[in-house]
């Protein structure tokens, strides 16, 4: 290991570099994810660098006092096999001491994560493709106004392990290539979702809903934003209604990860998770 190597917090512009590494790894991040990522936890992003040259990264984003989520664990191919990844990992993990930590692990790394104390919770399947049809619903979803996020934030906090107001305020804000919709019945929120432009196609997430009818209304509102481009949704495998909706649109499985936790797993109501927010931040 180079004697000049050190792990430190990311500086301005370095998260964009790391997201480019993620693109090169095939993770297909959103085109403007960095803004919302940093709003989630500005202190949760780290790089390992040799002098001024970043060689690897990790994010350990903290939500409240009891939960954190690990992602963007990458060592640039030119610097692998030299011990840098282990040092970056140890630094990141230490910042979430005392919290349950979640991550989404690919099959090749799951055994390594188990050795680090992470236990499998559920399989997530990424469905993708060009939607050949929109699902039918008895409900109609509406675009979310940036000034009316309060109810959406309360709804999200009943599903995600901890409140994440600052993240969602940035994630759901209307920008080019990004759209958020909400579905209501009797003036009560029954679900919401976001679609965003990625390096390849669009991703939908989160897609949280009370039931399949509400999720279908959201998909019917969001999918046209893709304008015929490929759409991806990361779906917990045990939510069979979500899988049926994806398959009904003509989407197919393209990728799998395992949600894993170190510490007590949060009681996430997966029957309401029709699409994970993002594999990087939970």
Protein backbone atom coordinates (compact mmCIF):
# COMPACT_ATOMS: atom_id res chain seq x y z
CA UNK A 1 0.00 0.00 0.00
CA UNK A 2 1.31 3.42 -0.97
CA UNK A 3 2.43 5.43 2.06
CA UNK A 4 0.50 8.46 0.81
CA UNK A 5 -2.80 6.56 0.90
CA UNK A 6 -5.48 7.96 3.22
CA UNK A 7 -9.25 7.76 3.59
CA UNK A 8 -11.11 11.06 3.88
CA UNK A 9 -14.50 12.65 3.30
CA UNK A 10 -15.35 13.39 -0.31
CA UNK A 11 -14.64 16.87 -1.61
CA UNK A 12 -16.86 18.83 -4.02
CA UNK A 13 -17.02 17.09 -7.38
CA UNK A 14 -15.71 13.73 -6.17
CA UNK A 15 -19.14 12.14 -5.80
CA UNK A 16 -19.71 12.80 -9.51
CA UNK A 17 -16.41 10.99 -10.21
CA UNK A 18 -17.51 8.02 -8.09
CA UNK A 19 -20.88 7.87 -9.84
CA UNK A 20 -18.97 7.72 -13.12
CA UNK A 21 -17.05 4.74 -11.71
CA UNK A 22 -20.44 3.22 -10.81
CA UNK A 23 -21.56 3.74 -14.41
CA UNK A 24 -18.45 1.96 -15.64
CA UNK A 25 -19.24 -0.94 -13.27
CA UNK A 26 -22.66 -1.26 -14.94
CA UNK A 27 -24.63 0.02 -11.95
CA UNK A 28 -26.43 2.62 -14.10
CA UNK A 29 -26.89 5.50 -11.62
CA UNK A 30 -29.17 8.44 -12.30
CA UNK A 31 -27.83 11.40 -14.25
CA UNK A 32 -28.23 13.81 -11.32
CA UNK A 33 -28.19 11.52 -8.28
CA UNK A 34 -25.37 13.38 -6.53
CA UNK A 35 -27.52 16.28 -5.34
CA UNK A 36 -30.03 14.11 -3.48
CA UNK A 37 -27.36 11.67 -2.26
CA UNK A 38 -25.47 14.45 -0.51
CA UNK A 39 -28.68 15.81 1.00
CA UNK A 40 -29.26 12.41 2.62
CA UNK A 41 -26.10 12.70 4.72
CA UNK A 42 -23.29 15.07 3.65
CA UNK A 43 -20.93 13.31 6.09
CA UNK A 44 -21.59 9.83 4.67
CA UNK A 45 -19.33 9.78 1.58
CA UNK A 46 -15.65 8.84 1.59
CA UNK A 47 -12.78 8.31 -0.82
CA UNK A 48 -9.47 6.59 -0.41
CA UNK A 49 -6.81 8.62 -2.18
CA UNK A 50 -3.12 8.51 -2.90
CA UNK A 51 -2.11 12.10 -2.52
CA UNK A 52 -4.76 13.98 -4.47
CA UNK A 53 -5.79 10.99 -6.63
CA UNK A 54 -8.98 9.14 -5.54
CA UNK A 55 -8.60 5.37 -5.93
CA UNK A 56 -11.71 4.03 -4.18
CA UNK A 57 -14.91 5.01 -2.43
CA UNK A 58 -17.67 4.05 -0.02
CA UNK A 59 -20.87 5.66 1.24
CA UNK A 60 -22.35 4.95 4.65
CA UNK A 61 -25.39 7.18 4.81
CA UNK A 62 -26.88 7.55 8.29
CA UNK A 63 -30.63 7.83 8.79
CA UNK A 64 -31.52 8.86 12.35
CA UNK A 65 -29.76 7.29 15.31
CA UNK A 66 -30.33 3.61 14.55
CA UNK A 67 -29.97 2.93 10.81
CA UNK A 68 -27.39 3.42 8.06
CA UNK A 69 -27.00 2.17 4.51
CA UNK A 70 -23.77 1.23 2.75
CA UNK A 71 -23.18 1.67 -0.96
CA UNK A 72 -20.82 2.95 -3.66
CA UNK A 73 -18.12 0.56 -2.40
CA UNK A 74 -15.76 0.69 -5.37
CA UNK A 75 -12.02 0.46 -5.89
CA UNK A 76 -10.84 1.66 -9.28
CA UNK A 77 -9.64 -1.33 -11.33
CA UNK A 78 -6.10 0.07 -11.52
CA UNK A 79 -5.74 -0.11 -7.73
CA UNK A 80 -7.42 -3.40 -6.77
CA UNK A 81 -5.69 -6.16 -4.86
CA UNK A 82 -3.49 -3.79 -2.84
CA UNK A 83 -5.46 -3.50 0.41
CA UNK A 84 -7.07 -0.15 -0.32
CA UNK A 85 -10.60 -1.54 -0.36
CA UNK A 86 -10.27 -3.04 3.12
CA UNK A 87 -9.04 0.25 4.56
CA UNK A 88 -11.87 2.18 2.91
CA UNK A 89 -14.41 -0.37 4.17
CA UNK A 90 -13.16 -0.19 7.76
CA UNK A 91 -13.28 3.60 7.81
CA UNK A 92 -16.80 3.70 6.42
CA UNK A 93 -18.20 1.03 8.72
CA UNK A 94 -16.75 2.73 11.78
CA UNK A 95 -18.82 5.87 11.12
CA UNK A 96 -22.05 3.91 11.67
CA UNK A 97 -21.04 2.19 14.90
CA UNK A 98 -24.08 1.27 17.00
CA UNK A 99 -26.49 1.37 14.06
CA UNK A 100 -27.99 -1.39 11.97
CA UNK A 101 -26.29 -1.17 8.56
CA UNK A 102 -27.95 -2.32 5.36
CA UNK A 103 -26.53 -3.00 1.92
CA UNK A 104 -27.51 -4.63 -1.37
CA UNK A 105 -24.92 -7.24 -2.29
CA UNK A 106 -24.30 -8.92 -5.63
CA UNK A 107 -23.96 -12.71 -5.54
CA UNK A 108 -20.17 -12.68 -5.92
CA UNK A 109 -19.71 -10.58 -2.76
CA UNK A 110 -22.37 -11.97 -0.45
CA UNK A 111 -20.05 -14.42 1.27
CA UNK A 112 -17.56 -11.64 1.97
CA UNK A 113 -20.34 -9.54 3.48
CA UNK A 114 -21.44 -12.46 5.65
CA UNK A 115 -17.91 -12.71 7.01
CA UNK A 116 -18.21 -9.03 7.91
CA UNK A 117 -21.34 -9.72 9.95
CA UNK A 118 -24.07 -9.06 7.38
CA UNK A 119 -26.97 -11.51 7.16
CA UNK A 120 -29.33 -11.99 4.18
CA UNK A 121 -32.82 -10.53 4.53
CA UNK A 122 -34.46 -10.76 1.09
CA UNK A 123 -33.71 -11.04 -2.60
CA UNK A 124 -34.22 -8.04 -4.86
CA UNK A 125 -34.79 -8.60 -8.58
CA UNK A 126 -34.25 -5.83 -11.11
CA UNK A 127 -36.86 -5.95 -13.86
CA UNK A 128 -36.14 -4.06 -17.05
CA UNK A 129 -37.23 -3.53 -20.61
CA UNK A 130 -39.35 -1.33 -22.80
CA UNK A 131 -42.87 -1.26 -21.39
CA UNK A 132 -45.25 -2.85 -23.87
CA UNK A 133 -48.35 -1.95 -21.86
CA UNK A 134 -49.44 0.14 -18.90
CA UNK A 135 -51.26 -1.48 -15.97
CA UNK A 136 -54.94 -0.78 -15.45
CA UNK A 137 -56.14 0.75 -12.19
CA UNK A 138 -59.35 2.06 -10.64
CA UNK A 139 -57.33 5.02 -9.32
CA UNK A 140 -55.55 7.93 -10.97
CA UNK A 141 -52.15 9.21 -9.81
CA UNK A 142 -51.18 12.87 -9.98
CA UNK A 143 -47.82 14.66 -10.28
CA UNK A 144 -46.42 15.84 -6.94
CA UNK A 145 -45.96 19.56 -6.44
CA UNK A 146 -42.63 20.48 -4.84
CA UNK A 147 -44.50 22.62 -2.32
CA UNK A 148 -46.70 19.74 -1.14
CA UNK A 149 -44.33 17.06 0.09
CA UNK A 150 -45.41 16.95 3.73
CA UNK A 151 -47.91 14.12 3.42
CA UNK A 152 -45.57 12.16 1.16
CA UNK A 153 -42.80 12.41 3.77
CA UNK A 154 -45.11 11.03 6.46
CA UNK A 155 -46.17 8.19 4.19
CA UNK A 156 -42.55 7.29 3.39
CA UNK A 157 -41.55 7.21 7.07
CA UNK A 158 -44.07 4.41 7.70
CA UNK A 159 -42.26 2.19 5.16
CA UNK A 160 -38.58 3.19 5.13
CA UNK A 161 -36.72 2.30 8.37
CA UNK A 162 -36.11 5.94 9.38
CA UNK A 163 -37.36 9.39 8.30
CA UNK A 164 -35.36 10.85 5.38
CA UNK A 165 -36.93 14.25 4.79
CA UNK A 166 -33.95 16.10 3.33
CA UNK A 167 -33.16 13.29 0.91
CA UNK A 168 -36.72 13.02 -0.37
CA UNK A 169 -37.08 16.79 -0.70
CA UNK A 170 -34.20 16.65 -3.19
CA UNK A 171 -35.07 13.26 -4.72
CA UNK A 172 -38.68 14.15 -5.49
CA UNK A 173 -38.09 17.69 -6.70
CA UNK A 174 -39.19 18.13 -10.28
CA UNK A 175 -36.18 18.44 -12.58
CA UNK A 176 -35.67 17.53 -16.20
CA UNK A 177 -35.78 13.75 -16.56
CA UNK A 178 -37.30 13.23 -13.09
CA UNK A 179 -40.95 12.95 -12.10
CA UNK A 180 -42.75 12.06 -8.86
CA UNK A 181 -46.40 11.06 -8.59
CA UNK A 182 -48.78 10.37 -5.72
CA UNK A 183 -52.05 8.44 -5.59
CA UNK A 184 -54.82 9.26 -3.15
CA UNK A 185 -58.18 7.84 -2.21
CA UNK A 186 -60.62 9.75 0.01
CA UNK A 187 -57.91 12.43 0.32
CA UNK A 188 -55.47 9.96 1.91
CA UNK A 189 -52.17 9.02 0.28
CA UNK A 190 -52.14 5.41 -0.89
CA UNK A 191 -48.72 5.48 -2.54
CA UNK A 192 -46.07 7.46 -4.34
CA UNK A 193 -43.21 6.88 -6.76
CA UNK A 194 -40.39 8.58 -8.64
CA UNK A 195 -38.94 7.92 -12.09
CA UNK A 196 -35.55 9.37 -13.04
CA UNK A 197 -33.32 9.45 -16.10
CA UNK A 198 -30.26 7.20 -15.82
CA UNK A 199 -27.24 6.62 -18.03
CA UNK A 200 -29.26 3.83 -19.61
CA UNK A 201 -33.00 4.37 -19.71
CA UNK A 202 -35.00 5.23 -16.59
CA UNK A 203 -35.35 3.78 -13.10
CA UNK A 204 -38.48 3.83 -10.97
CA UNK A 205 -37.87 4.04 -7.24
CA UNK A 206 -39.16 4.37 -4.71
CA UNK A 207 -42.46 2.80 -5.66
CA UNK A 208 -44.32 2.49 -2.36
CA UNK A 209 -48.04 1.71 -2.31
CA UNK A 210 -50.80 0.30 -0.09
CA UNK A 211 -51.80 -2.25 -2.71
CA UNK A 212 -51.38 -3.34 -6.32
CA UNK A 213 -54.17 -1.07 -7.57
CA UNK A 214 -52.41 1.99 -6.16
CA UNK A 215 -49.05 0.85 -7.55
CA UNK A 216 -50.63 0.31 -10.96
CA UNK A 217 -51.97 3.88 -10.98
CA UNK A 218 -48.49 5.20 -10.18
CA UNK A 219 -46.88 3.15 -12.93
CA UNK A 220 -49.45 4.35 -15.44
CA UNK A 221 -48.53 7.94 -14.53
CA UNK A 222 -44.74 7.49 -14.34
CA UNK A 223 -43.78 5.11 -17.16
CA UNK A 224 -44.77 7.50 -20.01
CA UNK A 225 -41.97 9.81 -18.77
CA UNK A 226 -39.53 7.29 -20.31
CA UNK A 227 -40.94 7.99 -23.78
CA UNK A 228 -40.31 4.46 -24.99
CA UNK A 229 -36.86 4.06 -23.39
CA UNK A 230 -35.92 1.12 -21.18
CA UNK A 231 -37.42 1.16 -17.68
CA UNK A 232 -35.94 -0.59 -14.62
CA UNK A 233 -37.50 -1.38 -11.23
CA UNK A 234 -35.76 -3.13 -8.29
CA UNK A 235 -38.43 -5.32 -6.68
CA UNK A 236 -38.30 -7.39 -3.46
CA UNK A 237 -38.80 -10.97 -4.69
CA UNK A 238 -41.43 -11.74 -2.07
CA UNK A 239 -43.73 -8.99 -3.34
CA UNK A 240 -45.46 -11.14 -5.93
CA UNK A 241 -47.98 -8.43 -6.81
CA UNK A 242 -45.13 -6.08 -7.75
CA UNK A 243 -43.55 -8.76 -9.93
CA UNK A 244 -46.88 -9.41 -11.64
CA UNK A 245 -47.21 -5.70 -12.45
CA UNK A 246 -43.69 -5.60 -13.92
CA UNK A 247 -44.26 -8.73 -15.98
CA UNK A 248 -47.61 -7.37 -17.14
CA UNK A 249 -45.76 -4.39 -18.61
CA UNK A 250 -43.43 -6.72 -20.47
CA UNK A 251 -40.41 -6.24 -18.20
CA UNK A 252 -38.02 -9.14 -17.54
CA UNK A 253 -35.49 -10.00 -14.77
CA UNK A 254 -32.06 -8.58 -15.62
CA UNK A 255 -30.13 -8.47 -12.31
CA UNK A 256 -30.31 -9.63 -8.68
CA UNK A 257 -28.99 -8.44 -5.34
CA UNK A 258 -29.46 -9.58 -1.76
CA UNK A 259 -30.54 -7.09 0.89
CA UNK A 260 -28.34 -7.77 3.90
CA UNK A 261 -28.12 -6.25 7.37
CA UNK A 262 -25.53 -6.10 10.10
CA UNK A 263 -27.54 -5.72 13.26
CA UNK A 264 -31.27 -6.20 13.80
CA UNK A 265 -33.12 -6.06 10.48
CA UNK A 266 -35.73 -3.28 10.34
CA UNK A 267 -39.36 -4.34 10.12
CA UNK A 268 -39.86 -3.13 6.54
CA UNK A 269 -43.39 -3.88 5.23
CA UNK A 270 -42.30 -5.39 1.92
CA UNK A 271 -45.89 -5.82 0.77
CA UNK A 272 -45.86 -2.04 0.32
CA UNK A 273 -42.46 -1.91 -1.42
CA UNK A 274 -43.24 -2.26 -5.12
CA UNK A 275 -39.85 -0.75 -6.01
CA UNK A 276 -36.72 -0.06 -3.93
CA UNK A 277 -35.59 3.58 -3.89
CA UNK A 278 -31.99 2.93 -4.94
CA UNK A 279 -29.47 0.15 -4.34
CA UNK A 280 -26.91 2.76 -3.26
CA UNK A 281 -28.91 4.41 -0.47
CA UNK A 282 -31.57 1.85 0.45
